[in-house]
């Protein structure tokens, strides 16, 4: 396409403006244009940091809920064996009791 000179472009634009009443415009054209404009991002607007992580946090929430349910079931089925063992260690020798010993490191 050849570049248009400024005067010729001005004449074409003026002719189009004068003939705008004769141009056929379908129904709903203005609504469609405004809807398209609303979907465009604002000029110069930057997304907030929290907005970028919102989708990730909702994906993580489902996995976290599933993990909580699984751990709850495991804890309920395990009973009170760990509490019983720690109480037995404390009662047998309360001065030398430490949690590290109950795990079995020392």
Protein backbone atom coordinates (compact mmCIF):
# COMPACT_ATOMS: atom_id res chain seq x y z
CA UNK A 1 0.00 0.00 0.00
CA UNK A 2 1.35 3.41 -0.97
CA UNK A 3 1.67 6.02 1.74
CA UNK A 4 -1.04 8.70 1.53
CA UNK A 5 -0.17 12.35 1.64
CA UNK A 6 -1.54 14.42 4.46
CA UNK A 7 -3.95 16.47 2.31
CA UNK A 8 -5.33 13.40 0.54
CA UNK A 9 -5.85 11.61 3.85
CA UNK A 10 -7.63 14.65 5.25
CA UNK A 11 -9.95 14.75 2.22
CA UNK A 12 -10.75 11.02 2.55
CA UNK A 13 -11.51 11.40 6.25
CA UNK A 14 -13.74 14.46 5.61
CA UNK A 15 -15.68 12.59 2.90
CA UNK A 16 -16.19 9.62 5.23
CA UNK A 17 -17.45 11.94 7.96
CA UNK A 18 -19.96 13.58 5.63
CA UNK A 19 -21.27 10.18 4.46
CA UNK A 20 -21.56 8.62 7.92
CA UNK A 21 -25.35 8.95 7.97
CA UNK A 22 -25.60 6.85 4.78
CA UNK A 23 -23.37 4.05 6.09
CA UNK A 24 -25.36 0.99 7.16
CA UNK A 25 -24.73 0.00 10.78
CA UNK A 26 -26.15 -3.29 12.06
CA UNK A 27 -28.21 -3.44 15.24
CA UNK A 28 -26.16 -4.04 18.35
CA UNK A 29 -22.98 -2.67 16.81
CA UNK A 30 -22.46 -0.05 19.51
CA UNK A 31 -23.05 -2.59 22.31
CA UNK A 32 -20.54 -4.98 20.72
CA UNK A 33 -17.94 -2.24 20.43
CA UNK A 34 -18.44 -1.14 24.03
CA UNK A 35 -18.23 -4.75 25.25
CA UNK A 36 -14.94 -5.16 23.40
CA UNK A 37 -13.60 -1.94 24.92
CA UNK A 38 -14.51 -3.15 28.41
CA UNK A 39 -12.43 -6.29 27.91
CA UNK A 40 -9.30 -4.32 27.03
CA UNK A 41 -6.84 -3.71 29.88
CA UNK A 42 -6.49 -0.17 31.19
CA UNK A 43 -3.65 1.80 29.69
CA UNK A 44 -0.72 1.97 32.07
CA UNK A 45 -2.39 -0.24 34.66
CA UNK A 46 -0.23 -2.88 36.29
CA UNK A 47 -1.74 -5.97 37.88
CA UNK A 48 -1.38 -6.24 41.63
CA UNK A 49 0.93 -8.90 42.98
CA UNK A 50 -1.91 -10.58 44.87
CA UNK A 51 -3.97 -10.88 41.70
CA UNK A 52 -1.25 -12.93 40.05
CA UNK A 53 -1.24 -15.48 42.87
CA UNK A 54 -5.03 -15.74 43.25
CA UNK A 55 -5.39 -18.53 40.72
CA UNK A 56 -2.49 -20.44 42.19
CA UNK A 57 -3.85 -20.17 45.72
CA UNK A 58 -7.26 -21.57 44.70
CA UNK A 59 -5.56 -24.52 42.98
CA UNK A 60 -3.51 -25.12 46.11
CA UNK A 61 -6.58 -24.94 48.36
CA UNK A 62 -8.10 -28.11 46.91
CA UNK A 63 -4.88 -30.05 47.42
CA UNK A 64 -4.52 -28.71 50.97
CA UNK A 65 -8.08 -29.79 51.86
CA UNK A 66 -7.45 -33.27 50.51
CA UNK A 67 -4.23 -33.51 52.52
CA UNK A 68 -6.01 -32.40 55.71
CA UNK A 69 -8.66 -35.07 55.21
CA UNK A 70 -6.07 -37.80 54.64
CA UNK A 71 -4.03 -36.77 57.68
CA UNK A 72 -7.17 -36.60 59.82
CA UNK A 73 -8.13 -40.13 58.87
CA UNK A 74 -4.60 -41.37 59.60
CA UNK A 75 -4.54 -39.61 62.97
CA UNK A 76 -7.92 -41.01 63.98
CA UNK A 77 -6.95 -44.54 63.02
CA UNK A 78 -3.59 -44.32 64.79
CA UNK A 79 -5.23 -43.97 68.19
CA UNK A 80 -3.34 -42.71 71.22
CA UNK A 81 -0.27 -44.95 70.92
CA UNK A 82 2.19 -42.04 70.66
CA UNK A 83 0.75 -40.23 73.68
CA UNK A 84 0.85 -43.44 75.71
CA UNK A 85 4.51 -44.04 74.82
CA UNK A 86 5.55 -40.49 75.76
CA UNK A 87 3.67 -40.68 79.08
CA UNK A 88 5.35 -44.01 79.87
CA UNK A 89 8.82 -42.55 79.17
CA UNK A 90 8.12 -39.50 81.35
CA UNK A 91 6.77 -41.52 84.25
CA UNK A 92 9.64 -43.99 84.17
CA UNK A 93 12.40 -41.31 84.32
CA UNK A 94 11.09 -37.71 84.49
CA UNK A 95 14.51 -36.05 84.97
CA UNK A 96 16.13 -37.48 81.84
CA UNK A 97 13.06 -37.24 79.62
CA UNK A 98 13.35 -35.37 76.36
CA UNK A 99 11.46 -35.54 73.11
CA UNK A 100 14.64 -36.49 71.28
CA UNK A 101 14.86 -39.64 73.37
CA UNK A 102 11.25 -40.55 72.63
CA UNK A 103 12.00 -40.46 68.91
CA UNK A 104 14.91 -42.80 69.46
CA UNK A 105 18.00 -40.74 68.60
CA UNK A 106 19.70 -41.19 71.98
